[in-house]
Amino acid sequence: MSHSSHRARSPRKPPWLKRRLPSGPVYGNICQSLGDHRLHTVCQEAKCPNQWECFSRKTATFLILGAHCTRNCGFCAVAHGPEGPPDPDEPQRVARMACEMGLAYVVVTSVTRDDLPDGGAAIFAATIQALRDEIPGVRVEVLIPDMQGSREAIQTVVDAGPDVLNHNLETIPALYAKVRPEADYRRSLGLLQRVRDLAPDMPTKSGLMLGLGEAPEAVQRTLADLRSVDCRMLTLGQYLQPSPRHLPVHRYVPPEEFDQWREKALQMGFAQVASGPLVRSSYQARELFQAGRD
């Protein structure tokens, strides 16, 4: 799908979304290290507004299975196009870099690889294992693509025993055709249900972007769907247009509205909720996980 049809202009960015640009010695060192280890972070590839803060606090979300996605979603800045075969050494490189950064909580995500029979599940499993071998007591959160709903692929990741399994719905069902044309709402919900069936004690997590034109009632129904599959952790953040080729922002949701959604989600039975304009799937992931244990 070409994004040339998204020419509509986004409204002017409000003051609460202004962030410092990434800079400083810690940020520079991490960028240098990523290059040395031939690794990617979703922080950089998806142009995350929090990367300076996260890198400075020594957290990062590793992006495995290359830097090109086989899908072309209307909201995402990650490059689209063919990618070579998975690199069998990548899990070890992720583990070494996480160890060098002194990480105790590591988030691992990937591009979507519809070209691979297992959607990349084996590399996810190997990365979880490599991190556990390298860093005693490490906590690992994975943010996985839908792997085309493959039962075997989901089983492979669950069997590797991540501490949290995240899969984002991203938006309400009615906007899927525009926002995630190659994804399927029911398939994504089914993935979370499958994880719950396979590992009842493994916390599942999901996230939505707001500001794409969704009605409040539809958001509430989507949250109810997540609770129906016993999803316990939730992130809600503002959609930001990464480039003029991507979907425009329909509206900027004010911070107090995010606070209201957080209260509502907690009332609906979510155990941990991060909700705010700059919240992203793995923003303060360690704090959210800890809150669930305390």
C-alpha atoms as a PDB file:
ATOM      1  CA  MET A   1       0.000   0.000   0.000  1.00  0.00           C
ATOM      2  CA  SER A   2       1.355   3.408  -0.875  1.00  0.00           C
ATOM      3  CA  HIS A   3       0.973   6.088   1.735  1.00  0.00           C
ATOM      4  CA  SER A   4       0.561   8.847  -0.864  1.00  0.00           C
ATOM      5  CA  SER A   5      -3.135   9.057  -0.030  1.00  0.00           C
ATOM      6  CA  HIS A   6      -2.324  10.363   3.467  1.00  0.00           C
ATOM      7  CA  ARG A   7      -1.758  13.938   2.326  1.00  0.00           C
ATOM      8  CA  ALA A   8      -4.156  15.429   4.884  1.00  0.00           C
ATOM      9  CA  ARG A   9      -2.335  17.715   7.289  1.00  0.00           C
ATOM     10  CA  SER A  10      -1.911  16.910  10.968  1.00  0.00           C
ATOM     11  CA  PRO A  11      -2.981  19.661  13.398  1.00  0.00           C
ATOM     12  CA  ARG A  12      -0.231  21.751  14.996  1.00  0.00           C
ATOM     13  CA  LYS A  13       1.683  19.886  17.702  1.00  0.00           C
ATOM     14  CA  PRO A  14       0.666  21.011  21.225  1.00  0.00           C
ATOM     15  CA  PRO A  15       3.231  22.110  23.845  1.00  0.00           C
ATOM     16  CA  TRP A  16       2.924  18.930  25.936  1.00  0.00           C
ATOM     17  CA  LEU A  17       4.480  16.920  23.094  1.00  0.00           C
ATOM     18  CA  LYS A  18       7.702  18.924  22.855  1.00  0.00           C
ATOM     19  CA  ARG A  19      10.716  16.769  23.769  1.00  0.00           C
ATOM     20  CA  ARG A  20      14.456  17.416  23.918  1.00  0.00           C
ATOM     21  CA  LEU A  21      16.305  16.025  20.953  1.00  0.00           C
ATOM     22  CA  PRO A  22      18.537  13.015  21.670  1.00  0.00           C
ATOM     23  CA  SER A  23      22.066  14.097  22.635  1.00  0.00           C
ATOM     24  CA  GLY A  24      24.704  13.811  25.345  1.00  0.00           C
ATOM     25  CA  PRO A  25      27.541  11.377  26.114  1.00  0.00           C
ATOM     26  CA  VAL A  26      25.446   8.410  27.254  1.00  0.00           C
ATOM     27  CA  TYR A  27      23.260   8.662  24.167  1.00  0.00           C
ATOM     28  CA  GLY A  28      26.321   8.928  21.916  1.00  0.00           C
ATOM     29  CA  ASN A  29      28.026   5.950  23.559  1.00  0.00           C
ATOM     30  CA  ILE A  30      24.966   3.743  23.137  1.00  0.00           C
ATOM     31  CA  CYS A  31      24.604   4.714  19.473  1.00  0.00           C
ATOM     32  CA  GLN A  32      28.287   3.895  18.970  1.00  0.00           C
ATOM     33  CA  SER A  33      27.868   0.526  20.725  1.00  0.00           C
ATOM     34  CA  LEU A  34      24.830  -0.369  18.623  1.00  0.00           C
ATOM     35  CA  GLY A  35      26.913   0.247  15.516  1.00  0.00           C
ATOM     36  CA  ASP A  36      29.811  -1.810  16.872  1.00  0.00           C
ATOM     37  CA  HIS A  37      27.496  -4.733  17.642  1.00  0.00           C
ATOM     38  CA  ARG A  38      25.612  -4.370  14.327  1.00  0.00           C
ATOM     39  CA  LEU A  39      22.319  -4.039  16.205  1.00  0.00           C
ATOM     40  CA  HIS A  40      19.173  -1.969  15.826  1.00  0.00           C
ATOM     41  CA  THR A  41      16.809  -0.476  18.372  1.00  0.00           C
ATOM     42  CA  VAL A  42      13.177   0.272  17.690  1.00  0.00           C
ATOM     43  CA  CYS A  43      13.896   3.510  19.583  1.00  0.00           C
ATOM     44  CA  GLN A  44      15.881   4.742  16.580  1.00  0.00           C
ATOM     45  CA  GLU A  45      14.143   2.980  13.691  1.00  0.00           C
ATOM     46  CA  ALA A  46      10.669   4.110  14.797  1.00  0.00           C
ATOM     47  CA  LYS A  47      11.894   7.602  15.741  1.00  0.00           C
ATOM     48  CA  CYS A  48      10.656   7.282  19.324  1.00  0.00           C
ATOM     49  CA  PRO A  49      10.346  10.629  21.155  1.00  0.00           C
ATOM     50  CA  ASN A  50      11.658   9.091  24.400  1.00  0.00           C
ATOM     51  CA  GLN A  51      14.941   7.672  23.131  1.00  0.00           C
ATOM     52  CA  TRP A  52      17.137  10.300  24.784  1.00  0.00           C
ATOM     53  CA  GLU A  53      15.492   9.658  28.170  1.00  0.00           C
ATOM     54  CA  CYS A  54      15.586   5.868  27.831  1.00  0.00           C
ATOM     55  CA  PHE A  55      19.153   5.655  26.534  1.00  0.00           C
ATOM     56  CA  SER A  56      20.254   7.980  29.338  1.00  0.00           C
ATOM     57  CA  ARG A  57      18.565   5.676  31.858  1.00  0.00           C
ATOM     58  CA  LYS A  58      20.297   2.713  30.231  1.00  0.00           C
ATOM     59  CA  THR A  59      17.210   1.092  28.779  1.00  0.00           C
ATOM     60  CA  ALA A  60      16.612   0.275  25.148  1.00  0.00           C
ATOM     61  CA  THR A  61      14.292  -1.883  23.111  1.00  0.00           C
ATOM     62  CA  PHE A  62      16.292  -4.123  20.793  1.00  0.00           C
ATOM     63  CA  LEU A  63      14.903  -4.660  17.304  1.00  0.00           C
ATOM     64  CA  ILE A  64      15.832  -8.121  16.012  1.00  0.00           C
ATOM     65  CA  LEU A  65      15.434  -9.883  12.649  1.00  0.00           C
ATOM     66  CA  GLY A  66      16.764  -6.937  10.664  1.00  0.00           C
ATOM     67  CA  ALA A  67      15.607  -3.354  10.133  1.00  0.00           C
ATOM     68  CA  HIS A  68      13.153  -3.909   7.266  1.00  0.00           C
ATOM     69  CA  CYS A  69       9.539  -4.960   7.782  1.00  0.00           C
ATOM     70  CA  THR A  70       7.627  -7.110   5.285  1.00  0.00           C
ATOM     71  CA  ARG A  71       4.478  -5.107   6.102  1.00  0.00           C
ATOM     72  CA  ASN A  72       3.821  -1.469   5.357  1.00  0.00           C
ATOM     73  CA  CYS A  73       1.547  -0.066   8.070  1.00  0.00           C
ATOM     74  CA  GLY A  74       0.190   3.459   7.741  1.00  0.00           C
ATOM     75  CA  PHE A  75       1.541   4.589  11.127  1.00  0.00           C
ATOM     76  CA  CYS A  76       5.013   3.078  11.380  1.00  0.00           C
ATOM     77  CA  ALA A  77       8.400   4.631  10.571  1.00  0.00           C
ATOM     78  CA  VAL A  78      10.294   1.318  10.336  1.00  0.00           C
ATOM     79  CA  ALA A  79      11.552   0.769   6.778  1.00  0.00           C
ATOM     80  CA  HIS A  80       9.593  -1.571   4.496  1.00  0.00           C
ATOM     81  CA  GLY A  81      11.241  -4.011   2.106  1.00  0.00           C
ATOM     82  CA  PRO A  82      13.012  -7.348   1.762  1.00  0.00           C
ATOM     83  CA  GLU A  83      15.399  -8.471   4.503  1.00  0.00           C
ATOM     84  CA  GLY A  84      18.001 -11.224   4.363  1.00  0.00           C
ATOM     85  CA  PRO A  85      17.764 -14.498   6.310  1.00  0.00           C
ATOM     86  CA  PRO A  86      17.926 -14.232  10.126  1.00  0.00           C
ATOM     87  CA  ASP A  87      21.426 -13.865  11.541  1.00  0.00           C
ATOM     88  CA  PRO A  88      22.043 -16.821  13.897  1.00  0.00           C
ATOM     89  CA  ASP A  89      24.603 -14.766  15.846  1.00  0.00           C
ATOM     90  CA  GLU A  90      22.188 -11.880  16.551  1.00  0.00           C
ATOM     91  CA  PRO A  91      20.867 -13.278  19.885  1.00  0.00           C
ATOM     92  CA  GLN A  92      24.424 -13.421  21.289  1.00  0.00           C
ATOM     93  CA  ARG A  93      25.145  -9.850  20.149  1.00  0.00           C
ATOM     94  CA  VAL A  94      21.969  -8.583  21.827  1.00  0.00           C
ATOM     95  CA  ALA A  95      22.945 -10.365  25.057  1.00  0.00           C
ATOM     96  CA  ARG A  96      26.498  -8.994  24.998  1.00  0.00           C
ATOM     97  CA  MET A  97      25.326  -5.428  24.409  1.00  0.00           C
ATOM     98  CA  ALA A  98      22.622  -5.687  27.112  1.00  0.00           C
ATOM     99  CA  CYS A  99      25.310  -6.934  29.503  1.00  0.00           C
ATOM    100  CA  GLU A 100      27.645  -4.052  28.574  1.00  0.00           C
ATOM    101  CA  MET A 101      24.812  -1.574  29.196  1.00  0.00           C
ATOM    102  CA  GLY A 102      24.235  -3.107  32.616  1.00  0.00           C
ATOM    103  CA  LEU A 103      20.586  -3.864  31.849  1.00  0.00           C
ATOM    104  CA  ALA A 104      18.496  -5.842  34.325  1.00  0.00           C
ATOM    105  CA  TYR A 105      15.308  -5.537  32.244  1.00  0.00           C
ATOM    106  CA  VAL A 106      15.525  -6.019  28.488  1.00  0.00           C
ATOM    107  CA  VAL A 107      12.780  -5.480  25.935  1.00  0.00           C
ATOM    108  CA  VAL A 108      13.131  -7.304  22.623  1.00  0.00           C
ATOM    109  CA  THR A 109      10.924  -6.664  19.612  1.00  0.00           C
ATOM    110  CA  SER A 110      11.217  -7.309  15.888  1.00  0.00           C
ATOM    111  CA  VAL A 111      10.049  -6.239  12.508  1.00  0.00           C
ATOM    112  CA  THR A 112       7.270  -8.426  11.066  1.00  0.00           C
ATOM    113  CA  ARG A 113       8.795 -11.225   8.975  1.00  0.00           C
ATOM    114  CA  ASP A 114       5.976 -12.773   6.949  1.00  0.00           C
ATOM    115  CA  ASP A 115       8.687 -14.262   4.698  1.00  0.00           C
ATOM    116  CA  LEU A 116       9.848 -16.658   7.444  1.00  0.00           C
ATOM    117  CA  PRO A 117       7.885 -19.869   8.097  1.00  0.00           C
ATOM    118  CA  ASP A 118       7.985 -19.277  11.876  1.00  0.00           C
ATOM    119  CA  GLY A 119       7.745 -15.471  11.690  1.00  0.00           C
ATOM    120  CA  GLY A 120      11.091 -15.275  13.507  1.00  0.00           C
ATOM    121  CA  ALA A 121       9.941 -17.179  16.626  1.00  0.00           C
ATOM    122  CA  ALA A 122      13.132 -19.260  16.846  1.00  0.00           C
ATOM    123  CA  ILE A 123      15.323 -16.124  16.951  1.00  0.00           C
ATOM    124  CA  PHE A 124      13.106 -14.640  19.674  1.00  0.00           C
ATOM    125  CA  ALA A 125      13.509 -17.842  21.706  1.00  0.00           C
ATOM    126  CA  ALA A 126      17.285 -17.884  21.141  1.00  0.00           C
ATOM    127  CA  THR A 127      17.541 -14.217  22.192  1.00  0.00           C
ATOM    128  CA  ILE A 128      15.639 -14.860  25.438  1.00  0.00           C
ATOM    129  CA  GLN A 129      17.954 -17.798  26.163  1.00  0.00           C
ATOM    130  CA  ALA A 130      21.122 -15.850  25.296  1.00  0.00           C
ATOM    131  CA  LEU A 131      20.094 -13.002  27.623  1.00  0.00           C
ATOM    132  CA  ARG A 132      19.424 -15.429  30.485  1.00  0.00           C
ATOM    133  CA  ASP A 133      22.832 -17.103  29.909  1.00  0.00           C
ATOM    134  CA  GLU A 134      24.668 -13.765  29.807  1.00  0.00           C
ATOM    135  CA  ILE A 135      22.926 -11.830  32.613  1.00  0.00           C
ATOM    136  CA  PRO A 136      21.961 -13.783  35.759  1.00  0.00           C
ATOM    137  CA  GLY A 137      18.479 -12.825  36.964  1.00  0.00           C
ATOM    138  CA  VAL A 138      17.655 -10.706  33.917  1.00  0.00           C
ATOM    139  CA  ARG A 139      14.001  -9.967  33.169  1.00  0.00           C
ATOM    140  CA  VAL A 140      13.009 -10.207  29.510  1.00  0.00           C
ATOM    141  CA  GLU A 141       9.938  -8.668  27.917  1.00  0.00           C
ATOM    142  CA  VAL A 142       9.167  -9.506  24.299  1.00  0.00           C
ATOM    143  CA  LEU A 143       6.970  -7.457  21.987  1.00  0.00           C
ATOM    144  CA  ILE A 144       6.098  -9.860  19.194  1.00  0.00           C
ATOM    145  CA  PRO A 145       4.401  -9.472  15.808  1.00  0.00           C
ATOM    146  CA  ASP A 146       1.349 -11.650  15.092  1.00  0.00           C
ATOM    147  CA  MET A 147       3.454 -14.354  13.362  1.00  0.00           C
ATOM    148  CA  GLN A 148       0.378 -14.858  11.168  1.00  0.00           C
ATOM    149  CA  GLY A 149      -1.335 -16.505  14.121  1.00  0.00           C
ATOM    150  CA  SER A 150       0.859 -19.619  13.867  1.00  0.00           C
ATOM    151  CA  ARG A 151       0.240 -21.822  16.905  1.00  0.00           C
ATOM    152  CA  GLU A 152       3.703 -23.390  16.644  1.00  0.00           C
ATOM    153  CA  ALA A 153       5.411 -19.991  16.476  1.00  0.00           C
ATOM    154  CA  ILE A 154       3.545 -18.678  19.522  1.00  0.00           C
ATOM    155  CA  GLN A 155       4.343 -21.909  21.387  1.00  0.00           C
ATOM    156  CA  THR A 156       8.061 -21.500  20.573  1.00  0.00           C
ATOM    157  CA  VAL A 157       8.156 -18.002  22.104  1.00  0.00           C
ATOM    158  CA  VAL A 158       6.062 -18.963  25.158  1.00  0.00           C
ATOM    159  CA  ASP A 159       8.247 -22.033  25.798  1.00  0.00           C
ATOM    160  CA  ALA A 160      11.309 -19.747  25.984  1.00  0.00           C
ATOM    161  CA  GLY A 161       9.707 -18.236  29.104  1.00  0.00           C
ATOM    162  CA  PRO A 162       9.748 -14.444  28.709  1.00  0.00           C
ATOM    163  CA  ASP A 163       8.710 -12.533  31.848  1.00  0.00           C
ATOM    164  CA  VAL A 164       6.160 -10.496  29.871  1.00  0.00           C
ATOM    165  CA  LEU A 165       4.694 -11.148  26.435  1.00  0.00           C
ATOM    166  CA  ASN A 166       3.459  -8.042  24.651  1.00  0.00           C
ATOM    167  CA  HIS A 167       1.516  -7.890  21.407  1.00  0.00           C
ATOM    168  CA  ASN A 168      -0.021  -4.568  20.424  1.00  0.00           C
ATOM    169  CA  LEU A 169      -3.513  -4.232  18.991  1.00  0.00           C
ATOM    170  CA  GLU A 170      -2.417  -0.658  18.038  1.00  0.00           C
ATOM    171  CA  THR A 171      -5.935   0.609  17.238  1.00  0.00           C
ATOM    172  CA  ILE A 172      -9.665  -0.173  17.204  1.00  0.00           C
ATOM    173  CA  PRO A 173     -11.014  -2.810  14.744  1.00  0.00           C
ATOM    174  CA  ALA A 174     -12.703  -0.249  12.466  1.00  0.00           C
ATOM    175  CA  LEU A 175      -9.372   1.455  11.710  1.00  0.00           C
ATOM    176  CA  TYR A 176      -7.400  -1.708  10.881  1.00  0.00           C
ATOM    177  CA  ALA A 177      -7.946  -1.415   7.106  1.00  0.00           C
ATOM    178  CA  LYS A 178      -6.353   2.041   7.170  1.00  0.00           C
ATOM    179  CA  VAL A 179      -3.792   1.677   9.978  1.00  0.00           C
ATOM    180  CA  ARG A 180      -2.766  -2.010   9.791  1.00  0.00           C
ATOM    181  CA  PRO A 181      -4.015  -3.292   6.421  1.00  0.00           C
ATOM    182  CA  GLU A 182      -2.043  -6.548   6.537  1.00  0.00           C
ATOM    183  CA  ALA A 183      -2.950  -7.352  10.148  1.00  0.00           C
ATOM    184  CA  ASP A 184      -6.161  -8.834  11.524  1.00  0.00           C
ATOM    185  CA  TYR A 185      -7.805  -7.696  14.755  1.00  0.00           C
ATOM    186  CA  ARG A 186      -9.222 -11.117  15.645  1.00  0.00           C
ATOM    187  CA  ARG A 187      -5.893 -12.798  14.924  1.00  0.00           C
ATOM    188  CA  SER A 188      -4.096 -10.383  17.271  1.00  0.00           C
ATOM    189  CA  LEU A 189      -6.665 -10.918  20.006  1.00  0.00           C
ATOM    190  CA  GLY A 190      -6.423 -14.680  19.413  1.00  0.00           C
ATOM    191  CA  LEU A 191      -2.642 -14.543  19.913  1.00  0.00           C
ATOM    192  CA  LEU A 192      -3.100 -13.050  23.390  1.00  0.00           C
ATOM    193  CA  GLN A 193      -5.741 -15.680  24.185  1.00  0.00           C
ATOM    194  CA  ARG A 194      -3.357 -18.424  23.010  1.00  0.00           C
ATOM    195  CA  VAL A 195      -0.589 -17.181  25.315  1.00  0.00           C
ATOM    196  CA  ARG A 196      -3.031 -17.160  28.212  1.00  0.00           C
ATOM    197  CA  ASP A 197      -4.053 -20.772  27.399  1.00  0.00           C
ATOM    198  CA  LEU A 198      -0.436 -21.951  27.123  1.00  0.00           C
ATOM    199  CA  ALA A 199       0.968 -20.065  30.128  1.00  0.00           C
ATOM    200  CA  PRO A 200      -1.745 -18.825  32.502  1.00  0.00           C
ATOM    201  CA  ASP A 201       0.798 -17.130  34.791  1.00  0.00           C
ATOM    202  CA  MET A 202       2.701 -15.241  32.051  1.00  0.00           C
ATOM    203  CA  PRO A 203       1.628 -11.574  32.089  1.00  0.00           C
ATOM    204  CA  THR A 204       0.385 -10.395  28.702  1.00  0.00           C
ATOM    205  CA  LYS A 205       0.494  -6.783  27.626  1.00  0.00           C
ATOM    206  CA  SER A 206      -0.950  -4.772  24.753  1.00  0.00           C
ATOM    207  CA  GLY A 207      -1.075  -1.185  23.598  1.00  0.00           C
ATOM    208  CA  LEU A 208      -3.150   1.281  21.606  1.00  0.00           C
ATOM    209  CA  MET A 209      -2.332   4.549  19.888  1.00  0.00           C
ATOM    210  CA  LEU A 210      -4.917   7.301  20.312  1.00  0.00           C
ATOM    211  CA  GLY A 211      -5.500  10.240  17.992  1.00  0.00           C
ATOM    212  CA  LEU A 212      -6.210   8.315  14.759  1.00  0.00           C
ATOM    213  CA  GLY A 213      -9.918   9.121  14.733  1.00  0.00           C
ATOM    214  CA  GLU A 214     -11.204   6.449  17.127  1.00  0.00           C
ATOM    215  CA  ALA A 215     -14.445   7.067  19.065  1.00  0.00           C
ATOM    216  CA  PRO A 216     -14.268   6.706  22.879  1.00  0.00           C
ATOM    217  CA  GLU A 217     -16.892   3.936  22.830  1.00  0.00           C
ATOM    218  CA  ALA A 218     -14.765   1.962  20.352  1.00  0.00           C
ATOM    219  CA  VAL A 219     -11.695   2.355  22.576  1.00  0.00           C
ATOM    220  CA  GLN A 220     -13.706   1.110  25.539  1.00  0.00           C
ATOM    221  CA  ARG A 221     -14.907  -1.930  23.538  1.00  0.00           C
ATOM    222  CA  THR A 222     -11.329  -2.692  22.507  1.00  0.00           C
ATOM    223  CA  LEU A 223     -10.170  -2.538  26.129  1.00  0.00           C
ATOM    224  CA  ALA A 224     -13.045  -4.865  27.058  1.00  0.00           C
ATOM    225  CA  ASP A 225     -11.848  -7.271  24.325  1.00  0.00           C
ATOM    226  CA  LEU A 226      -8.364  -7.215  25.876  1.00  0.00           C
ATOM    227  CA  ARG A 227      -9.779  -7.957  29.314  1.00  0.00           C
ATOM    228  CA  SER A 228     -11.831 -10.820  27.819  1.00  0.00           C
ATOM    229  CA  VAL A 229      -8.538 -12.582  26.979  1.00  0.00           C
ATOM    230  CA  ASP A 230      -7.157 -11.662  30.433  1.00  0.00           C
ATOM    231  CA  CYS A 231      -4.606  -9.136  29.164  1.00  0.00           C
ATOM    232  CA  ARG A 232      -3.266  -7.535  32.357  1.00  0.00           C
ATOM    233  CA  MET A 233      -0.899  -4.787  31.228  1.00  0.00           C
ATOM    234  CA  LEU A 234      -1.817  -1.858  28.993  1.00  0.00           C
ATOM    235  CA  THR A 235      -0.084   1.085  27.335  1.00  0.00           C
ATOM    236  CA  LEU A 236      -1.939   4.014  25.772  1.00  0.00           C
ATOM    237  CA  GLY A 237      -0.046   6.704  23.866  1.00  0.00           C
ATOM    238  CA  GLN A 238      -0.505   9.472  21.308  1.00  0.00           C
ATOM    239  CA  TYR A 239      -0.053   8.582  17.630  1.00  0.00           C
ATOM    240  CA  LEU A 240       2.568  10.866  16.076  1.00  0.00           C
ATOM    241  CA  GLN A 241       2.988  11.106  12.310  1.00  0.00           C
ATOM    242  CA  PRO A 242       6.571  10.005  11.535  1.00  0.00           C
ATOM    243  CA  SER A 243       6.653  11.575   8.041  1.00  0.00           C
ATOM    244  CA  PRO A 244       4.333  13.289   5.534  1.00  0.00           C
ATOM    245  CA  ARG A 245       3.898   9.873   3.833  1.00  0.00           C
ATOM    246  CA  HIS A 246       2.239   8.404   6.913  1.00  0.00           C
ATOM    247  CA  LEU A 247      -1.282   8.757   8.268  1.00  0.00           C
ATOM    248  CA  PRO A 248      -2.026  12.245   9.589  1.00  0.00           C
ATOM    249  CA  VAL A 249      -2.843  12.796  13.247  1.00  0.00           C
ATOM    250  CA  HIS A 250      -6.596  13.146  13.612  1.00  0.00           C
ATOM    251  CA  ARG A 251      -6.344  14.885  16.996  1.00  0.00           C
ATOM    252  CA  TYR A 252      -3.909  15.409  19.848  1.00  0.00           C
ATOM    253  CA  VAL A 253      -5.381  13.852  22.979  1.00  0.00           C
ATOM    254  CA  PRO A 254      -4.746  16.057  26.032  1.00  0.00           C
ATOM    255  CA  PRO A 255      -2.838  14.596  29.020  1.00  0.00           C
ATOM    256  CA  GLU A 256      -5.902  14.728  31.308  1.00  0.00           C
ATOM    257  CA  GLU A 257      -7.817  12.514  28.872  1.00  0.00           C
ATOM    258  CA  PHE A 258      -5.004   9.954  29.049  1.00  0.00           C
ATOM    259  CA  ASP A 259      -5.320  10.124  32.854  1.00  0.00           C
ATOM    260  CA  GLN A 260      -9.044   9.394  32.542  1.00  0.00           C
ATOM    261  CA  TRP A 261      -8.346   6.403  30.303  1.00  0.00           C
ATOM    262  CA  ARG A 262      -5.859   5.105  32.849  1.00  0.00           C
ATOM    263  CA  GLU A 263      -8.474   5.272  35.622  1.00  0.00           C
ATOM    264  CA  LYS A 264     -11.066   3.604  33.411  1.00  0.00           C
ATOM    265  CA  ALA A 265      -8.663   0.806  32.417  1.00  0.00           C
ATOM    266  CA  LEU A 266      -7.790   0.109  36.060  1.00  0.00           C
ATOM    267  CA  GLN A 267     -11.511  -0.039  36.881  1.00  0.00           C
ATOM    268  CA  MET A 268     -11.920  -2.555  34.057  1.00  0.00           C
ATOM    269  CA  GLY A 269      -9.413  -4.851  35.747  1.00  0.00           C
ATOM    270  CA  PHE A 270      -6.058  -4.110  34.082  1.00  0.00           C
ATOM    271  CA  ALA A 271      -3.326  -4.600  36.692  1.00  0.00           C
ATOM    272  CA  GLN A 272      -0.834  -2.057  35.290  1.00  0.00           C
ATOM    273  CA  VAL A 273      -1.555   0.838  32.953  1.00  0.00           C
ATOM    274  CA  ALA A 274       0.821   3.404  31.445  1.00  0.00           C
ATOM    275  CA  SER A 275      -1.209   6.112  29.729  1.00  0.00           C
ATOM    276  CA  GLY A 276       0.079   9.438  28.451  1.00  0.00           C
ATOM    277  CA  PRO A 277       0.851  11.351  25.251  1.00  0.00           C
ATOM    278  CA  LEU A 278       4.465  10.112  25.084  1.00  0.00           C
ATOM    279  CA  VAL A 279       3.886   6.583  26.361  1.00  0.00           C
ATOM    280  CA  ARG A 280       5.099   3.864  23.975  1.00  0.00           C
ATOM    281  CA  SER A 281       4.815   0.062  24.245  1.00  0.00           C
ATOM    282  CA  SER A 282       8.049  -0.369  26.140  1.00  0.00           C
ATOM    283  CA  TYR A 283       8.228   3.019  27.878  1.00  0.00           C
ATOM    284  CA  GLN A 284       9.142   2.449  31.544  1.00  0.00           C
ATOM    285  CA  ALA A 285       8.502  -1.263  30.928  1.00  0.00           C
ATOM    286  CA  ARG A 286      10.583  -2.252  33.939  1.00  0.00           C
ATOM    287  CA  GLU A 287       8.629   0.071  36.278  1.00  0.00           C
ATOM    288  CA  LEU A 288       5.319  -1.284  34.969  1.00  0.00           C
ATOM    289  CA  PHE A 289       6.482  -4.863  35.500  1.00  0.00           C
ATOM    290  CA  GLN A 290       7.751  -4.080  39.019  1.00  0.00           C
ATOM    291  CA  ALA A 291       4.467  -2.393  39.916  1.00  0.00           C
ATOM    292  CA  GLY A 292       2.739  -5.675  39.115  1.00  0.00           C
ATOM    293  CA  ARG A 293       5.000  -7.581  41.493  1.00  0.00           C
ATOM    294  CA  ASP A 294       4.876  -5.179  44.437  1.00  0.00           C
END
